[in-house]
């Protein structure tokens, strides 16, 4: 019995399955969400405080921090980064 995926990379597998872009996008959003949560914790900032600094609601902050919500705009991410004293860096590779 031969396995066509032996010796291939995980990226090759994702490409073969046609899900590379989807999986990569999900992973990027999850990583960004966890980085934001980590920064909030490090700064001892609550979600309510972040909401006040962003002039938005706590439920909007929950959507921003939700690792499964991929509908956050770059403008929103830029504003959150600025409020947290960070810069948003996006690059094409």
C-alpha atoms as a PDB file:
ATOM      1  CA  UNK A   1       0.000   0.000   0.000  1.00  0.00           C
ATOM      2  CA  UNK A   2       1.493   3.331  -1.084  1.00  0.00           C
ATOM      3  CA  UNK A   3       0.749   6.668   0.540  1.00  0.00           C
ATOM      4  CA  UNK A   4       0.986   9.558  -1.941  1.00  0.00           C
ATOM      5  CA  UNK A   5       1.715  12.023   0.914  1.00  0.00           C
ATOM      6  CA  UNK A   6       4.810  10.285   2.299  1.00  0.00           C
ATOM      7  CA  UNK A   7       7.782  12.557   1.765  1.00  0.00           C
ATOM      8  CA  UNK A   8       5.671  15.607   0.969  1.00  0.00           C
ATOM      9  CA  UNK A   9       5.385  18.684   3.150  1.00  0.00           C
ATOM     10  CA  UNK A  10       2.291  19.827   4.983  1.00  0.00           C
ATOM     11  CA  UNK A  11       2.077  22.777   2.571  1.00  0.00           C
ATOM     12  CA  UNK A  12       2.098  20.335  -0.363  1.00  0.00           C
ATOM     13  CA  UNK A  13      -0.745  18.434   1.264  1.00  0.00           C
ATOM     14  CA  UNK A  14      -2.777  21.629   1.762  1.00  0.00           C
ATOM     15  CA  UNK A  15      -2.197  22.616  -1.874  1.00  0.00           C
ATOM     16  CA  UNK A  16      -3.209  19.165  -3.096  1.00  0.00           C
ATOM     17  CA  UNK A  17      -6.408  19.375  -1.064  1.00  0.00           C
ATOM     18  CA  UNK A  18      -7.089  22.900  -2.359  1.00  0.00           C
ATOM     19  CA  UNK A  19      -7.282  24.413   1.120  1.00  0.00           C
ATOM     20  CA  UNK A  20      -3.914  26.141   1.519  1.00  0.00           C
ATOM     21  CA  UNK A  21      -5.245  29.725   1.374  1.00  0.00           C
ATOM     22  CA  UNK A  22      -8.116  28.998   3.743  1.00  0.00           C
ATOM     23  CA  UNK A  23      -5.920  27.242   6.309  1.00  0.00           C
ATOM     24  CA  UNK A  24      -3.231  29.918   6.101  1.00  0.00           C
ATOM     25  CA  UNK A  25      -5.785  32.703   6.536  1.00  0.00           C
ATOM     26  CA  UNK A  26      -7.319  30.974   9.546  1.00  0.00           C
ATOM     27  CA  UNK A  27      -3.881  30.470  11.096  1.00  0.00           C
ATOM     28  CA  UNK A  28      -2.900  34.113  10.595  1.00  0.00           C
ATOM     29  CA  UNK A  29      -6.109  35.384  12.222  1.00  0.00           C
ATOM     30  CA  UNK A  30      -5.734  32.997  15.154  1.00  0.00           C
ATOM     31  CA  UNK A  31      -2.123  34.055  15.683  1.00  0.00           C
ATOM     32  CA  UNK A  32      -3.046  37.733  15.540  1.00  0.00           C
ATOM     33  CA  UNK A  33      -5.880  37.224  18.016  1.00  0.00           C
ATOM     34  CA  UNK A  34      -3.585  35.453  20.449  1.00  0.00           C
ATOM     35  CA  UNK A  35      -0.954  38.190  20.093  1.00  0.00           C
ATOM     36  CA  UNK A  36      -3.558  40.843  20.859  1.00  0.00           C
ATOM     37  CA  UNK A  37      -4.827  38.927  23.891  1.00  0.00           C
ATOM     38  CA  UNK A  38      -1.251  38.469  25.098  1.00  0.00           C
ATOM     39  CA  UNK A  39      -0.607  42.222  24.770  1.00  0.00           C
ATOM     40  CA  UNK A  40      -3.781  43.035  26.691  1.00  0.00           C
ATOM     41  CA  UNK A  41      -2.726  40.681  29.473  1.00  0.00           C
ATOM     42  CA  UNK A  42       0.816  42.059  29.548  1.00  0.00           C
ATOM     43  CA  UNK A  43      -0.524  45.624  29.810  1.00  0.00           C
ATOM     44  CA  UNK A  44      -3.170  44.599  32.384  1.00  0.00           C
ATOM     45  CA  UNK A  45      -5.821  46.065  30.095  1.00  0.00           C
ATOM     46  CA  UNK A  46      -9.369  44.773  30.112  1.00  0.00           C
ATOM     47  CA  UNK A  47     -11.529  44.351  27.043  1.00  0.00           C
ATOM     48  CA  UNK A  48     -13.708  47.175  28.356  1.00  0.00           C
ATOM     49  CA  UNK A  49     -10.689  49.483  28.567  1.00  0.00           C
ATOM     50  CA  UNK A  50      -9.678  48.580  25.018  1.00  0.00           C
ATOM     51  CA  UNK A  51     -13.233  49.220  23.851  1.00  0.00           C
ATOM     52  CA  UNK A  52     -13.183  52.674  25.455  1.00  0.00           C
ATOM     53  CA  UNK A  53      -9.828  53.518  23.827  1.00  0.00           C
ATOM     54  CA  UNK A  54     -11.167  52.366  20.445  1.00  0.00           C
ATOM     55  CA  UNK A  55     -14.443  54.264  20.968  1.00  0.00           C
ATOM     56  CA  UNK A  56     -16.407  51.083  20.364  1.00  0.00           C
ATOM     57  CA  UNK A  57     -18.339  48.473  22.304  1.00  0.00           C
ATOM     58  CA  UNK A  58     -17.030  45.529  24.259  1.00  0.00           C
ATOM     59  CA  UNK A  59     -18.887  43.196  21.905  1.00  0.00           C
ATOM     60  CA  UNK A  60     -16.966  44.733  18.978  1.00  0.00           C
ATOM     61  CA  UNK A  61     -13.711  44.067  20.849  1.00  0.00           C
ATOM     62  CA  UNK A  62     -14.827  40.477  21.399  1.00  0.00           C
ATOM     63  CA  UNK A  63     -15.318  40.137  17.636  1.00  0.00           C
ATOM     64  CA  UNK A  64     -11.855  41.615  16.995  1.00  0.00           C
ATOM     65  CA  UNK A  65     -10.265  39.189  19.459  1.00  0.00           C
ATOM     66  CA  UNK A  66     -12.262  36.172  18.268  1.00  0.00           C
ATOM     67  CA  UNK A  67      -9.724  33.899  16.529  1.00  0.00           C
ATOM     68  CA  UNK A  68     -12.493  32.459  14.340  1.00  0.00           C
ATOM     69  CA  UNK A  69     -13.780  35.817  13.086  1.00  0.00           C
ATOM     70  CA  UNK A  70     -12.007  36.568   9.818  1.00  0.00           C
ATOM     71  CA  UNK A  71     -14.111  39.584   8.842  1.00  0.00           C
ATOM     72  CA  UNK A  72     -12.003  42.182  10.660  1.00  0.00           C
ATOM     73  CA  UNK A  73     -10.776  44.938   8.357  1.00  0.00           C
ATOM     74  CA  UNK A  74      -7.192  46.102   8.028  1.00  0.00           C
ATOM     75  CA  UNK A  75      -8.301  49.548   9.177  1.00  0.00           C
ATOM     76  CA  UNK A  76      -9.660  48.064  12.395  1.00  0.00           C
ATOM     77  CA  UNK A  77      -6.508  46.031  12.975  1.00  0.00           C
ATOM     78  CA  UNK A  78      -4.383  49.143  12.378  1.00  0.00           C
ATOM     79  CA  UNK A  79      -6.407  51.110  14.917  1.00  0.00           C
ATOM     80  CA  UNK A  80      -6.138  48.330  17.520  1.00  0.00           C
ATOM     81  CA  UNK A  81      -2.382  48.088  16.968  1.00  0.00           C
ATOM     82  CA  UNK A  82      -2.014  51.848  17.395  1.00  0.00           C
ATOM     83  CA  UNK A  83      -4.039  51.871  20.619  1.00  0.00           C
ATOM     84  CA  UNK A  84      -1.845  49.065  21.969  1.00  0.00           C
ATOM     85  CA  UNK A  85       1.351  50.884  21.011  1.00  0.00           C
ATOM     86  CA  UNK A  86       2.143  48.428  18.238  1.00  0.00           C
ATOM     87  CA  UNK A  87       2.445  48.582  14.459  1.00  0.00           C
ATOM     88  CA  UNK A  88       0.603  46.338  12.065  1.00  0.00           C
ATOM     89  CA  UNK A  89       2.968  44.835   9.524  1.00  0.00           C
ATOM     90  CA  UNK A  90       1.628  43.044   6.480  1.00  0.00           C
ATOM     91  CA  UNK A  91       3.819  41.808   3.689  1.00  0.00           C
ATOM     92  CA  UNK A  92       3.595  39.823   0.481  1.00  0.00           C
ATOM     93  CA  UNK A  93       5.997  36.949   0.241  1.00  0.00           C
END
